[in-house]
Protein backbone atom coordinates (compact mmCIF):
# COMPACT_ATOMS: atom_id res chain seq x y z
CA ASN A 1 -180.96 -72.88 168.70
CA ASP A 2 -178.45 -74.29 171.21
CA GLN A 3 -181.11 -76.71 172.47
CA GLY A 4 -181.49 -78.32 169.04
CA GLU A 5 -184.86 -76.69 168.38
CA ALA A 6 -186.05 -74.87 165.27
CA LEU A 7 -189.11 -72.76 166.09
CA LEU A 8 -191.58 -71.93 163.31
CA VAL A 9 -194.69 -69.75 163.20
CA VAL A 10 -197.32 -70.94 160.73
CA THR A 11 -200.07 -68.57 159.55
CA ASP A 12 -203.13 -69.87 157.71
CA SER A 13 -204.30 -67.70 154.80
CA LYS A 14 -206.54 -70.09 152.83
CA ASN A 15 -208.52 -71.85 155.58
CA VAL A 16 -207.51 -75.31 154.34
CA ASP A 17 -205.80 -78.28 156.00
CA ASP A 18 -202.13 -78.79 155.25
CA THR A 19 -199.08 -80.92 156.09
CA ILE A 20 -195.83 -79.51 157.47
CA THR A 21 -192.70 -81.51 156.63
CA VAL A 22 -189.23 -80.80 158.04
CA SER A 23 -185.93 -82.50 157.24
CA ALA A 24 -182.41 -82.49 158.65
CA PHE A 25 -178.99 -83.96 157.91
CA GLU A 26 -179.39 -83.37 154.17
CA GLY A 27 -182.77 -85.06 154.10
CA THR A 28 -181.78 -88.25 155.91
CA VAL A 29 -184.11 -87.44 158.81
CA THR A 30 -187.63 -86.16 158.15
CA ALA A 31 -190.79 -85.60 160.14
CA SER A 32 -194.30 -84.56 159.13
CA TYR A 33 -197.20 -83.01 160.99
CA ALA A 34 -200.77 -82.86 159.72
CA LEU A 35 -202.13 -79.39 160.41
CA LYS A 36 -205.90 -79.18 160.63
CA VAL A 37 -207.29 -75.68 160.18
CA SER A 38 -210.50 -74.98 162.04
CA PRO A 39 -212.74 -71.94 161.71
CA ASN A 40 -213.53 -72.37 165.41
CA SER A 41 -211.49 -70.91 168.24
CA PHE A 42 -211.79 -70.06 171.92
CA SER A 43 -208.98 -68.16 173.60
CA PHE A 44 -208.10 -65.30 175.92
CA VAL A 45 -207.92 -61.91 174.25
CA SER A 46 -206.53 -59.94 177.18
CA PRO A 47 -204.37 -59.59 179.13
CA VAL A 48 -201.28 -61.20 177.64
CA GLU A 49 -199.77 -64.40 179.08
CA ASN A 50 -197.76 -63.86 182.32
CA ASN A 51 -199.08 -60.32 182.65
CA GLU A 52 -198.22 -58.62 185.96
CA ILE A 53 -201.23 -57.25 187.84
CA PRO A 54 -200.62 -54.88 190.78
CA LEU A 55 -202.30 -55.93 194.02
CA GLU A 56 -205.68 -54.40 194.85
CA THR A 57 -206.20 -53.16 191.29
CA HIS A 58 -208.96 -54.38 189.02
CA GLN A 59 -207.82 -56.10 185.83
CA GLU A 60 -210.30 -56.85 183.08
CA ILE A 61 -209.90 -60.20 181.36
CA SER A 62 -211.66 -61.23 178.18
CA THR A 63 -212.09 -64.24 175.93
CA ARG A 64 -213.39 -64.58 172.38
CA LEU A 65 -215.49 -67.49 171.09
CA VAL A 66 -215.66 -68.11 167.35
CA GLN A 67 -217.44 -70.98 165.61
CA GLY A 68 -217.06 -69.90 162.03
CA ASN A 69 -218.50 -66.56 163.19
CA PRO A 70 -218.44 -64.88 166.60
CA VAL A 71 -220.83 -66.61 169.02
CA SER A 72 -223.09 -64.35 171.07
CA GLY A 73 -225.18 -65.26 174.09
CA LYS A 74 -222.89 -68.09 175.24
CA THR A 75 -222.26 -68.43 178.98
CA ILE A 76 -218.58 -68.59 179.88
CA THR A 77 -217.49 -69.77 183.34
CA PHE A 78 -214.29 -68.19 184.64
CA SER A 79 -212.31 -69.59 187.59
CA ILE A 80 -209.06 -68.45 189.23
CA THR A 81 -206.47 -70.10 191.52
CA ARG A 82 -205.33 -66.91 193.27
CA GLY A 83 -207.34 -63.70 193.59
CA LEU A 84 -211.07 -63.06 193.25
CA PHE A 85 -213.53 -61.89 190.65
CA SER A 86 -215.76 -58.83 191.01
CA ASN A 87 -218.39 -60.96 192.78
CA GLY A 88 -215.92 -61.74 195.56
CA LYS A 89 -215.64 -65.39 194.53
CA SER A 90 -213.11 -67.58 192.76
CA PHE A 91 -215.52 -68.16 189.86
CA ILE A 92 -217.92 -66.05 187.84
CA LYS A 93 -220.13 -66.41 184.76
CA SER A 94 -220.20 -64.03 181.80
CA VAL A 95 -222.17 -64.04 178.54
CA THR A 96 -220.53 -63.39 175.17
CA ASP A 97 -221.55 -60.27 173.25
CA ALA A 98 -222.14 -59.86 169.52
CA ASP A 99 -218.39 -60.09 168.91
CA GLY A 100 -218.08 -63.34 170.87
CA ILE A 101 -216.37 -61.49 173.74
CA ALA A 102 -216.92 -62.44 177.39
CA LYS A 103 -215.42 -60.30 180.13
CA ALA A 104 -214.66 -60.50 183.84
CA THR A 105 -212.65 -58.50 186.36
CA VAL A 106 -210.07 -59.93 188.78
CA THR A 107 -208.19 -58.54 191.76
CA SER A 108 -206.01 -59.90 194.55
CA THR A 109 -204.59 -58.85 197.91
CA GLN A 110 -201.94 -61.60 197.81
CA ALA A 111 -198.89 -61.68 195.55
CA GLY A 112 -198.02 -64.68 193.43
CA GLY A 113 -198.80 -66.57 190.27
CA SER A 114 -202.37 -67.42 189.31
CA THR A 115 -204.04 -69.46 186.58
CA ILE A 116 -207.33 -68.27 185.12
CA THR A 117 -209.52 -70.81 183.34
CA ALA A 118 -212.41 -70.01 181.00
CA ASP A 119 -214.87 -72.79 180.14
CA THR A 120 -217.65 -72.86 177.54
CA GLY A 121 -218.97 -76.26 178.58
CA GLU A 122 -217.41 -77.82 175.49
CA GLU A 123 -213.90 -76.39 175.53
CA SER A 124 -211.66 -74.37 177.82
CA ALA A 125 -208.72 -71.97 177.75
CA THR A 126 -206.19 -71.02 180.42
CA LEU A 127 -204.17 -67.90 181.14
CA THR A 128 -201.30 -67.43 183.60
CA VAL A 129 -200.91 -64.06 185.33
CA GLU A 130 -198.88 -62.81 188.29
CA PHE A 131 -200.25 -60.58 191.02
CA VAL A 132 -197.45 -58.35 192.25
CA ALA A 133 -197.05 -56.13 195.29
CA THR A 134 -195.75 -52.71 194.28
CA THR A 135 -195.56 -50.64 197.48
CA PRO A 136 -192.51 -51.38 199.68
CA SER A 137 -193.12 -51.14 203.41
CA TRP A 138 -190.12 -52.92 204.94
CA MET A 139 -187.26 -55.20 204.02
CA THR A 140 -184.65 -57.53 205.44
CA LEU A 141 -180.98 -57.45 204.46
CA ASN A 142 -178.80 -60.51 204.96
CA PRO A 143 -175.18 -61.38 204.08
CA THR A 144 -174.24 -64.95 203.14
CA PRO A 145 -171.83 -65.67 204.71
CA ALA A 146 -171.59 -62.97 207.39
CA THR A 147 -167.85 -63.55 207.92
CA VAL A 148 -165.36 -63.66 205.05
CA SER A 149 -161.61 -63.72 204.65
CA PHE A 150 -159.48 -61.33 202.62
CA ASP A 151 -160.55 -60.99 198.98
CA GLN A 152 -163.50 -63.34 199.54
CA THR A 153 -167.14 -62.64 198.75
CA SER A 154 -170.46 -62.42 200.53
CA ARG A 155 -173.82 -62.27 198.78
CA ILE A 156 -175.94 -59.44 200.17
CA THR A 157 -179.65 -60.11 199.69
CA ALA A 158 -182.47 -57.65 200.27
CA THR A 159 -185.98 -59.07 200.59
CA VAL A 160 -188.70 -56.44 200.17
CA ARG A 161 -192.26 -56.75 201.48
CA ASP A 162 -195.35 -54.55 201.59
CA ALA A 163 -197.45 -53.66 204.63
CA LYS A 164 -199.35 -56.96 204.34
CA ASN A 165 -196.15 -59.03 204.15
CA ASN A 166 -196.43 -59.65 200.41
CA LEU A 167 -193.16 -59.94 198.51
CA VAL A 168 -192.66 -56.84 196.35
CA LYS A 169 -191.58 -57.35 192.75
CA ASN A 170 -189.73 -54.77 190.61
CA ALA A 171 -188.67 -52.60 193.55
CA ARG A 172 -185.49 -50.73 192.63
CA VAL A 173 -182.86 -51.48 195.31
CA ILE A 174 -179.61 -49.52 195.59
CA PHE A 175 -176.79 -51.04 197.67
CA HIS A 176 -174.22 -48.81 199.39
CA ILE A 177 -171.12 -49.44 201.52
CA ASP A 178 -171.46 -47.12 204.52
CA ASP A 179 -168.29 -48.12 206.36
CA ASP A 180 -165.42 -50.38 205.28
CA ILE A 181 -161.76 -49.94 206.17
CA THR A 182 -160.81 -53.09 204.25
CA GLY A 183 -161.16 -51.46 200.84
CA GLY A 184 -163.88 -53.86 199.73
CA ASN A 185 -166.35 -53.20 196.94
CA PHE A 186 -169.34 -54.57 195.10
CA GLN A 187 -168.70 -56.78 192.09
CA ALA A 188 -171.61 -55.09 190.33
CA ALA A 189 -172.96 -51.63 191.09
CA GLY A 190 -176.18 -49.89 190.13
CA THR A 191 -179.88 -50.40 190.72
CA ILE A 192 -181.14 -53.98 191.05
CA LEU A 193 -184.80 -54.93 190.61
CA THR A 194 -186.42 -57.38 193.01
CA ASN A 195 -187.70 -60.63 191.50
CA SER A 196 -190.96 -62.51 192.15
CA LEU A 197 -189.57 -63.57 195.53
CA GLY A 198 -189.01 -59.93 196.49
CA GLU A 199 -185.24 -60.43 196.33
CA ALA A 200 -182.48 -58.23 194.99
CA SER A 201 -178.87 -59.17 195.65
CA THR A 202 -175.34 -58.04 195.04
CA VAL A 203 -171.93 -59.55 195.80
CA TYR A 204 -169.53 -57.83 198.20
CA ARG A 205 -165.82 -58.64 197.82
CA ALA A 206 -163.70 -57.95 200.89
CA GLY A 207 -160.44 -56.04 200.83
CA ASN A 208 -157.09 -57.12 202.27
CA GLN A 209 -157.24 -56.08 205.91
CA SER A 210 -159.32 -56.91 208.97
CA SER A 211 -162.52 -55.02 209.63
CA GLY A 212 -163.09 -56.04 213.21
CA LYS A 213 -166.31 -57.77 214.22
CA ASP A 214 -169.26 -56.47 212.14
CA GLY A 215 -166.91 -53.79 210.84
CA VAL A 216 -168.26 -53.55 207.29
CA ILE A 217 -171.60 -51.75 207.18
CA ILE A 218 -173.72 -52.19 204.05
CA ARG A 219 -176.97 -50.34 203.42
CA ALA A 220 -179.80 -51.01 201.00
CA ASP A 221 -182.21 -48.26 199.95
CA ILE A 222 -185.34 -48.55 197.85
CA GLU A 223 -185.69 -45.93 195.15
CA ASP A 224 -188.60 -43.49 195.65
CA SER A 225 -189.21 -44.90 199.13
CA GLU A 226 -188.21 -44.17 202.72
CA VAL A 227 -187.49 -47.87 203.32
CA THR A 228 -183.85 -48.56 204.19
CA LYS A 229 -181.92 -51.32 205.98
CA THR A 230 -178.34 -51.99 207.05
CA THR A 231 -176.38 -55.16 207.74
CA SER A 232 -172.80 -55.97 208.68
CA VAL A 233 -170.03 -58.24 207.43
CA THR A 234 -166.91 -59.27 209.31
CA VAL A 235 -163.63 -59.50 207.40
CA GLU A 236 -160.94 -61.54 209.17
CA PRO A 237 -157.52 -62.81 208.14
CA LYS A 238 -157.18 -66.21 206.56
CA ASN A 239 -156.37 -68.94 209.03
CA VAL A 240 -158.28 -72.19 208.82
CA ARG A 241 -159.42 -72.85 205.29
CA ILE A 242 -161.97 -75.36 204.06
CA ILE A 243 -162.41 -76.62 200.55
CA PHE A 244 -164.33 -79.54 199.17
CA GLY A 245 -164.65 -80.93 195.70
CA THR A 246 -165.32 -83.96 193.58
CA GLY A 247 -163.92 -85.83 190.61
CA ASN A 248 -165.48 -87.08 187.41
CA GLY A 249 -166.83 -90.24 189.01
CA MET A 250 -170.31 -90.90 190.35
CA ASN A 251 -172.42 -94.01 190.67
CA GLU A 252 -175.77 -95.47 191.55
CA ALA A 253 -176.28 -95.78 195.29
CA ASN A 254 -179.12 -98.17 194.41
CA SER A 255 -181.68 -98.60 191.65
CA VAL A 256 -183.42 -95.28 192.43
CA GLN A 257 -180.66 -93.00 193.78
CA TYR A 258 -177.41 -91.53 192.53
CA ARG A 259 -174.40 -90.86 194.75
CA GLN A 260 -171.66 -88.33 194.01
CA PRO A 261 -168.54 -88.50 196.25
CA PHE A 262 -166.79 -85.43 197.68
CA ALA A 263 -163.58 -84.82 199.61
CA ILE A 264 -163.06 -82.10 202.24
CA GLN A 265 -159.64 -80.58 202.98
CA VAL A 266 -159.00 -78.37 206.01
CA SER A 267 -155.68 -76.53 206.32
CA ASP A 268 -153.96 -73.55 207.89
CA ASP A 269 -151.60 -71.96 205.36
CA GLY A 270 -151.21 -75.36 203.71
CA VAL A 271 -150.71 -77.30 206.96
CA PRO A 272 -153.37 -80.01 207.58
CA VAL A 273 -155.73 -79.36 210.48
CA ALA A 274 -156.68 -82.66 212.10
CA GLY A 275 -159.77 -83.24 214.24
CA THR A 276 -161.73 -80.37 212.73
CA GLN A 277 -165.48 -80.84 212.85
CA VAL A 278 -166.97 -79.62 209.59
CA SER A 279 -170.75 -79.35 209.37
CA LEU A 280 -172.49 -79.65 206.02
CA ARG A 281 -175.81 -78.43 204.71
CA VAL A 282 -177.52 -78.46 201.33
CA THR A 283 -180.14 -75.92 200.29
CA PRO A 284 -182.09 -75.62 197.02
CA VAL A 285 -181.20 -72.66 194.81
CA ASN A 286 -183.07 -73.20 191.55
CA TYR A 287 -185.16 -75.80 189.83
CA ARG A 288 -185.64 -76.44 186.15
CA LYS A 289 -188.51 -77.40 183.91
CA GLY A 290 -187.98 -79.32 180.71
CA ARG A 291 -187.63 -82.77 179.21
CA TYR A 292 -185.13 -85.19 177.73
CA ILE A 293 -184.79 -85.27 173.94
CA GLY A 294 -183.00 -87.71 171.69
CA VAL A 295 -179.80 -86.40 170.10
CA ASP A 296 -177.32 -87.57 167.48
CA SER A 297 -174.10 -87.32 169.51
CA ASN A 298 -171.78 -88.74 166.85
CA GLN A 299 -173.50 -87.02 163.91
CA ASP A 300 -174.16 -90.21 161.98
CA GLY A 301 -177.77 -89.28 161.29
CA LYS A 302 -179.18 -91.52 164.04
CA LEU A 303 -180.47 -90.58 167.47
CA ASP A 304 -178.30 -92.39 170.00
CA SER A 305 -178.48 -90.65 173.38
CA TRP A 306 -180.53 -88.38 175.63
CA ARG A 307 -180.01 -84.73 176.54
CA ALA A 308 -181.87 -82.67 179.12
CA VAL A 309 -183.40 -79.56 177.54
CA THR A 310 -184.46 -76.80 179.94
CA SER A 311 -187.60 -74.79 179.17
CA ALA A 312 -187.56 -72.65 182.36
CA THR A 313 -185.16 -72.04 185.28
CA CYS A 314 -186.99 -70.97 188.44
CA PRO A 315 -185.72 -69.74 191.84
CA ALA A 316 -186.29 -71.94 194.87
CA GLU A 317 -189.41 -70.81 196.74
CA ASP A 318 -187.96 -71.18 200.28
CA THR A 319 -186.46 -67.67 200.28
CA ASP A 320 -185.56 -67.61 203.98
CA GLN A 321 -184.42 -71.26 203.96
CA ASN A 322 -186.49 -72.14 207.02
CA GLY A 323 -188.11 -75.19 205.44
CA VAL A 324 -191.59 -73.73 205.98
CA LEU A 325 -194.00 -72.51 203.31
CA ASP A 326 -194.39 -68.88 204.36
CA ALA A 327 -196.83 -66.30 203.03
CA ALA A 328 -196.41 -65.50 199.32
CA GLU A 329 -193.66 -68.10 198.81
CA ASP A 330 -195.85 -70.53 196.85
CA LEU A 331 -195.26 -69.00 193.42
CA ASN A 332 -196.39 -72.01 191.41
CA GLY A 333 -199.50 -72.61 193.52
CA ASP A 334 -198.87 -76.29 194.32
CA GLY A 335 -199.31 -75.84 198.07
CA ARG A 336 -195.75 -76.77 199.02
CA LEU A 337 -192.17 -75.57 198.74
CA THR A 338 -190.59 -76.10 195.34
CA PRO A 339 -188.15 -77.70 194.97
CA PRO A 340 -188.25 -80.07 197.93
CA ALA A 341 -185.12 -81.00 199.86
CA SER A 342 -184.17 -83.63 197.29
CA VAL A 343 -180.39 -83.79 197.91
CA THR A 344 -179.02 -85.14 201.19
CA VAL A 345 -175.58 -85.62 202.71
CA GLY A 346 -174.61 -89.21 203.45
CA ALA A 347 -171.67 -91.47 204.16
CA GLU A 348 -169.21 -92.26 201.37
CA ALA A 349 -168.66 -96.01 201.37
CA GLY A 350 -165.04 -97.15 201.39
CA LEU A 351 -163.60 -93.78 202.40
CA SER A 352 -162.71 -92.77 205.95
CA PRO A 353 -163.35 -90.62 207.86
CA THR A 354 -166.80 -90.05 206.43
CA VAL A 355 -169.79 -87.99 207.44
CA SER A 356 -172.09 -88.79 210.36
CA ASN A 357 -175.18 -86.69 211.09
CA ALA A 358 -174.00 -84.13 208.52
CA VAL A 359 -170.65 -83.63 210.33
CA VAL A 360 -167.19 -84.73 209.15
CA THR A 361 -164.22 -84.87 211.54
CA THR A 362 -160.95 -84.59 209.61
CA ASP A 363 -158.16 -87.15 209.92
CA ASP A 364 -154.43 -86.44 210.44
CA ASN A 365 -154.16 -85.22 206.86
CA GLY A 366 -157.01 -82.75 207.32
CA PHE A 367 -159.18 -84.89 205.02
CA GLY A 368 -162.80 -86.05 205.26
CA TYR A 369 -165.33 -87.50 202.85
CA PHE A 370 -169.04 -87.39 202.13
CA GLY A 371 -171.51 -88.21 199.40
CA LEU A 372 -174.47 -86.36 197.94
CA TYR A 373 -177.49 -88.61 197.47
CA TYR A 374 -180.50 -87.74 195.30
CA PRO A 375 -183.37 -89.52 193.48
CA GLN A 376 -182.45 -90.28 189.89
CA ASN A 377 -185.47 -88.48 188.40
CA PHE A 378 -184.32 -85.20 190.05
CA ALA A 379 -180.91 -85.33 188.36
CA MET A 380 -180.34 -82.40 185.97
CA TRP A 381 -183.48 -80.57 187.16
CA ILE A 382 -182.27 -78.94 190.40
CA GLU A 383 -179.44 -76.68 191.52
CA VAL A 384 -178.31 -76.71 195.15
CA GLU A 385 -175.80 -74.89 197.29
CA VAL A 386 -173.55 -77.08 199.42
CA VAL A 387 -172.05 -75.29 202.43
CA ALA A 388 -169.27 -76.56 204.70
CA GLN A 389 -168.69 -74.73 207.98
CA THR A 390 -166.36 -74.98 210.94
CA ILE A 391 -165.75 -72.83 214.01
CA GLN A 392 -162.23 -72.54 215.40
CA ALA A 393 -161.60 -70.41 218.49
CA GLY A 394 -164.92 -68.69 217.99
CA LYS A 395 -164.15 -67.90 214.36
CA GLU A 396 -166.48 -69.23 211.67
CA THR A 397 -165.02 -70.48 208.39
CA THR A 398 -167.19 -71.53 205.48
CA PHE A 399 -166.87 -72.79 201.94
CA SER A 400 -169.76 -73.17 199.54
CA THR A 401 -170.42 -74.06 195.95
CA ARG A 402 -173.44 -74.48 193.73
CA ILE A 403 -173.99 -77.84 192.09
CA VAL A 404 -176.37 -79.24 189.51
CA PRO A 405 -176.69 -82.94 190.46
CA LEU A 406 -175.96 -84.92 187.31
CA ALA A 407 -177.35 -88.09 185.81
CA LEU A 408 -175.08 -91.07 185.21
CA ALA A 409 -173.71 -91.00 181.67
CA ALA A 410 -174.58 -94.66 181.19
CA ASP A 411 -178.25 -93.81 181.77
CA LEU A 412 -178.24 -91.20 179.01
CA ASN A 413 -176.03 -92.80 176.36
CA ASN A 414 -178.52 -95.39 175.10
CA ILE A 415 -181.52 -94.08 173.17
CA ASP A 416 -183.23 -97.47 173.56
CA ILE A 417 -183.40 -97.10 177.34
CA ALA A 418 -185.64 -94.43 178.90
CA PRO A 419 -183.78 -91.62 180.73
CA PRO A 420 -184.10 -91.18 184.53
CA ALA A 421 -187.09 -88.82 184.12
CA PRO A 422 -188.84 -90.17 181.00
CA ASP A 423 -191.84 -87.86 181.40
CA GLY A 424 -189.69 -84.78 181.88
CA SER A 425 -188.70 -82.70 184.89
CA PRO A 426 -190.65 -83.50 188.09
CA PHE A 427 -191.49 -79.78 188.17
CA GLY A 428 -193.13 -79.66 184.73
CA ILE A 429 -192.19 -79.00 181.13
CA GLY A 430 -193.70 -75.53 180.61
CA ARG A 431 -192.00 -72.16 180.32
CA SER A 432 -193.56 -70.38 183.34
CA CYS A 433 -192.45 -70.48 186.98
CA ASN A 434 -195.96 -69.54 188.10
CA ASP A 435 -197.55 -72.95 187.53
CA THR A 436 -196.76 -76.66 187.61
CA LEU A 437 -197.33 -77.32 183.93
């Protein structure tokens, strides 16, 4: 595949050990793996991995123990990280039947990911499930940003919750423009399903005339529900404009941090606007699981550099961006917001004027400078949104972009030197967003 992986499924039919050998580059690179076939196994039978379980319903789980033949009369201890078993506790014991099957029943009143562990005393198995709220009770609807210029966009995000404040997954949200004299529209129409964070979003693009303050009214309805919510967007003519960007250069701020420089330009129809105070903020958007792998960049049959390979891309848990771990936000169960605020705004050495306390004041050319600082082991594994904002004569102007902080090429171009995150992403290497594996 495009990540340099070839995935194989091996099925044993003779109950004998074997060796798997693979080769590449016309046989110049080979690898072997000794496969030991055992008649013994212990695993979950049901439900399937990452199964969604509605809140306050009872889901049967089962494991099967085989040691040559099914093992009966064996006590299996089940435990769970979110939700409870039928005994009202986070653990329960069950005895295998004649087929080696042990069963238990789980339920939860709180939405989110959960890991179930089954233990025989000698070996264990794990299963990841997700408890989901299914009955919408209320929602919030927020535009980002709330004020846009002609032909600019605002992301409209609905967050759906149930009566107990759980985030509702798979709710079908329909967005509608109730009032808009600007001629704006949605970039994508139709029904949008909420994700594990209870969010469904669409992008509104403004038309080419002013709406007046809060003049664009946008409504979100939930299919097969009475829940509805409206919000407003202001469309104003272009005056002060902000942009910021970077080049192809970055460097090490020190032995443990990278720094990427950025320039801000503020203008009014191309004329520099001096003395403008531009505030900056950085918020997490996504994080990635995965690891670095060796690659043959020049195709000479030898591994010579490192490449980050993503196994899962997960949404940031801080859905309301308040920096607080709210109810049902801890999807991976680690007890804190993921990802942390790992990218900060700092001064850009050698360039003036530069940022101070996350604010840049432009010079006579309308220019200002700042740097993004981040720990080296977080490079490649996070995505953030950088927002610049200024207010002129009571009018808010913003510019934002999403950035994946990169690793320095020199740190990846030598296979003999470990990459910045030698053990993989700080968020894990697995394929699920509901755990920290």
